[in-house]
C-alpha atoms as a PDB file:
ATOM      1  CA  LEU A   1      70.045  70.844 -35.669  1.00  0.00           C
ATOM      2  CA  ARG A   2      70.487  67.038 -35.760  1.00  0.00           C
ATOM      3  CA  TYR A   3      71.691  65.064 -32.728  1.00  0.00           C
ATOM      4  CA  THR A   4      72.988  61.537 -32.413  1.00  0.00           C
ATOM      5  CA  ILE A   5      71.958  59.504 -29.369  1.00  0.00           C
ATOM      6  CA  MET A   6      75.283  58.419 -27.939  1.00  0.00           C
ATOM      7  CA  ALA A   7      73.863  56.410 -25.043  1.00  0.00           C
ATOM      8  CA  GLU A   8      70.853  55.795 -22.854  1.00  0.00           C
ATOM      9  CA  LEU A   9      71.606  55.118 -19.199  1.00  0.00           C
ATOM     10  CA  GLU A  10      70.090  54.955 -15.739  1.00  0.00           C
ATOM     11  CA  VAL A  11      71.624  56.990 -12.900  1.00  0.00           C
ATOM     12  CA  GLY A  12      70.180  57.345  -9.426  1.00  0.00           C
ATOM     13  CA  GLY A  13      66.792  55.988 -10.503  1.00  0.00           C
ATOM     14  CA  GLY A  14      66.486  58.421 -13.455  1.00  0.00           C
ATOM     15  CA  ARG A  15      66.874  57.587 -17.118  1.00  0.00           C
ATOM     16  CA  TYR A  16      68.988  59.801 -19.378  1.00  0.00           C
ATOM     17  CA  ALA A  17      69.900  60.177 -23.036  1.00  0.00           C
ATOM     18  CA  ILE A  18      73.329  61.476 -23.989  1.00  0.00           C
ATOM     19  CA  LEU A  19      73.097  63.505 -27.186  1.00  0.00           C
ATOM     20  CA  GLN A  20      75.744  65.007 -29.448  1.00  0.00           C
ATOM     21  CA  SER A  21      75.576  67.118 -32.630  1.00  0.00           C
ATOM     22  CA  ALA A  22      78.369  67.151 -35.225  1.00  0.00           C
ATOM     23  CA  ALA A  23      79.573  70.534 -33.926  1.00  0.00           C
ATOM     24  CA  MET A  24      79.544  69.236 -30.329  1.00  0.00           C
ATOM     25  CA  ARG A  25      81.548  66.184 -31.384  1.00  0.00           C
ATOM     26  CA  LYS A  26      84.326  68.403 -32.696  1.00  0.00           C
ATOM     27  CA  GLU A  27      84.523  70.106 -29.283  1.00  0.00           C
ATOM     28  CA  GLY A  28      84.046  66.888 -27.297  1.00  0.00           C
ATOM     29  CA  ASP A  29      80.809  68.251 -25.760  1.00  0.00           C
ATOM     30  CA  ILE A  30      77.628  66.337 -24.947  1.00  0.00           C
ATOM     31  CA  GLU A  31      74.091  67.202 -23.946  1.00  0.00           C
ATOM     32  CA  VAL A  32      72.352  65.319 -21.133  1.00  0.00           C
ATOM     33  CA  MET A  33      68.542  64.954 -21.429  1.00  0.00           C
ATOM     34  CA  ARG A  34      66.188  63.235 -18.959  1.00  0.00           C
ATOM     35  CA  LEU A  35      63.948  60.549 -20.444  1.00  0.00           C
ATOM     36  CA  THR A  36      60.365  60.868 -19.246  1.00  0.00           C
ATOM     37  CA  ARG A  37      56.850  60.070 -20.405  1.00  0.00           C
ATOM     38  CA  ASN A  38      54.310  62.699 -21.390  1.00  0.00           C
ATOM     39  CA  ASP A  39      50.648  62.686 -20.317  1.00  0.00           C
ATOM     40  CA  SER A  40      49.864  60.210 -23.123  1.00  0.00           C
ATOM     41  CA  GLY A  41      52.602  57.858 -21.929  1.00  0.00           C
ATOM     42  CA  GLU A  42      54.812  58.543 -24.927  1.00  0.00           C
ATOM     43  CA  PRO A  43      58.571  58.975 -24.424  1.00  0.00           C
ATOM     44  CA  ALA A  44      59.771  62.557 -24.060  1.00  0.00           C
ATOM     45  CA  LEU A  45      63.022  64.404 -23.380  1.00  0.00           C
ATOM     46  CA  GLU A  46      63.475  67.078 -20.683  1.00  0.00           C
ATOM     47  CA  THR A  47      66.395  69.450 -20.277  1.00  0.00           C
ATOM     48  CA  VAL A  48      68.393  68.719 -17.109  1.00  0.00           C
ATOM     49  CA  GLU A  49      68.646  72.027 -15.223  1.00  0.00           C
ATOM     50  CA  ASP A  50      70.250  70.745 -12.003  1.00  0.00           C
ATOM     51  CA  ASP A  51      74.057  70.851 -12.205  1.00  0.00           C
ATOM     52  CA  ASP A  52      74.553  67.885  -9.849  1.00  0.00           C
ATOM     53  CA  GLU A  53      72.090  65.728 -11.794  1.00  0.00           C
ATOM     54  CA  TRP A  54      73.746  66.728 -15.117  1.00  0.00           C
ATOM     55  CA  GLU A  55      77.212  65.921 -13.758  1.00  0.00           C
ATOM     56  CA  ALA A  56      76.121  62.531 -12.402  1.00  0.00           C
ATOM     57  CA  ALA A  57      74.709  61.499 -15.775  1.00  0.00           C
ATOM     58  CA  ALA A  58      77.720  62.893 -17.705  1.00  0.00           C
ATOM     59  CA  GLU A  59      80.106  61.079 -15.335  1.00  0.00           C
ATOM     60  CA  ALA A  60      78.206  57.804 -15.824  1.00  0.00           C
ATOM     61  CA  TYR A  61      78.555  58.307 -19.602  1.00  0.00           C
ATOM     62  CA  ASP A  62      82.307  58.945 -19.215  1.00  0.00           C
ATOM     63  CA  ASP A  63      82.534  55.725 -17.207  1.00  0.00           C
ATOM     64  CA  LEU A  64      80.907  53.868 -20.104  1.00  0.00           C
ATOM     65  CA  GLN A  65      83.324  55.440 -22.564  1.00  0.00           C
ATOM     66  CA  PHE A  66      86.527  55.214 -20.609  1.00  0.00           C
ATOM     67  CA  GLY A  67      86.011  52.249 -18.290  1.00  0.00           C
ATOM     68  CA  GLY A  68      85.634  53.831 -14.869  1.00  0.00           C
ATOM     69  CA  ASP A  69      88.616  55.814 -13.595  1.00  0.00           C
ATOM     70  CA  GLU A  70      90.630  55.453 -16.811  1.00  0.00           C
ATOM     71  CA  ARG A  71      89.952  58.930 -18.210  1.00  0.00           C
ATOM     72  CA  PRO A  72      92.333  60.689 -20.607  1.00  0.00           C
END
């Protein structure tokens, strides 16, 4: 499965990548992944398990897309 990085953003001191596959784009869905570093210091992605953390990052992405409170 191939994903496109839609955005990288910082929320509440954490860094996140917003990803989307072609199938997800058709449905308007996104995936939120936490940007971290592995033991070697190389960039890595972690699944966001916490619903509040996921929502905060997704909302920040929406704000980038729709300019704050101007959501469709």
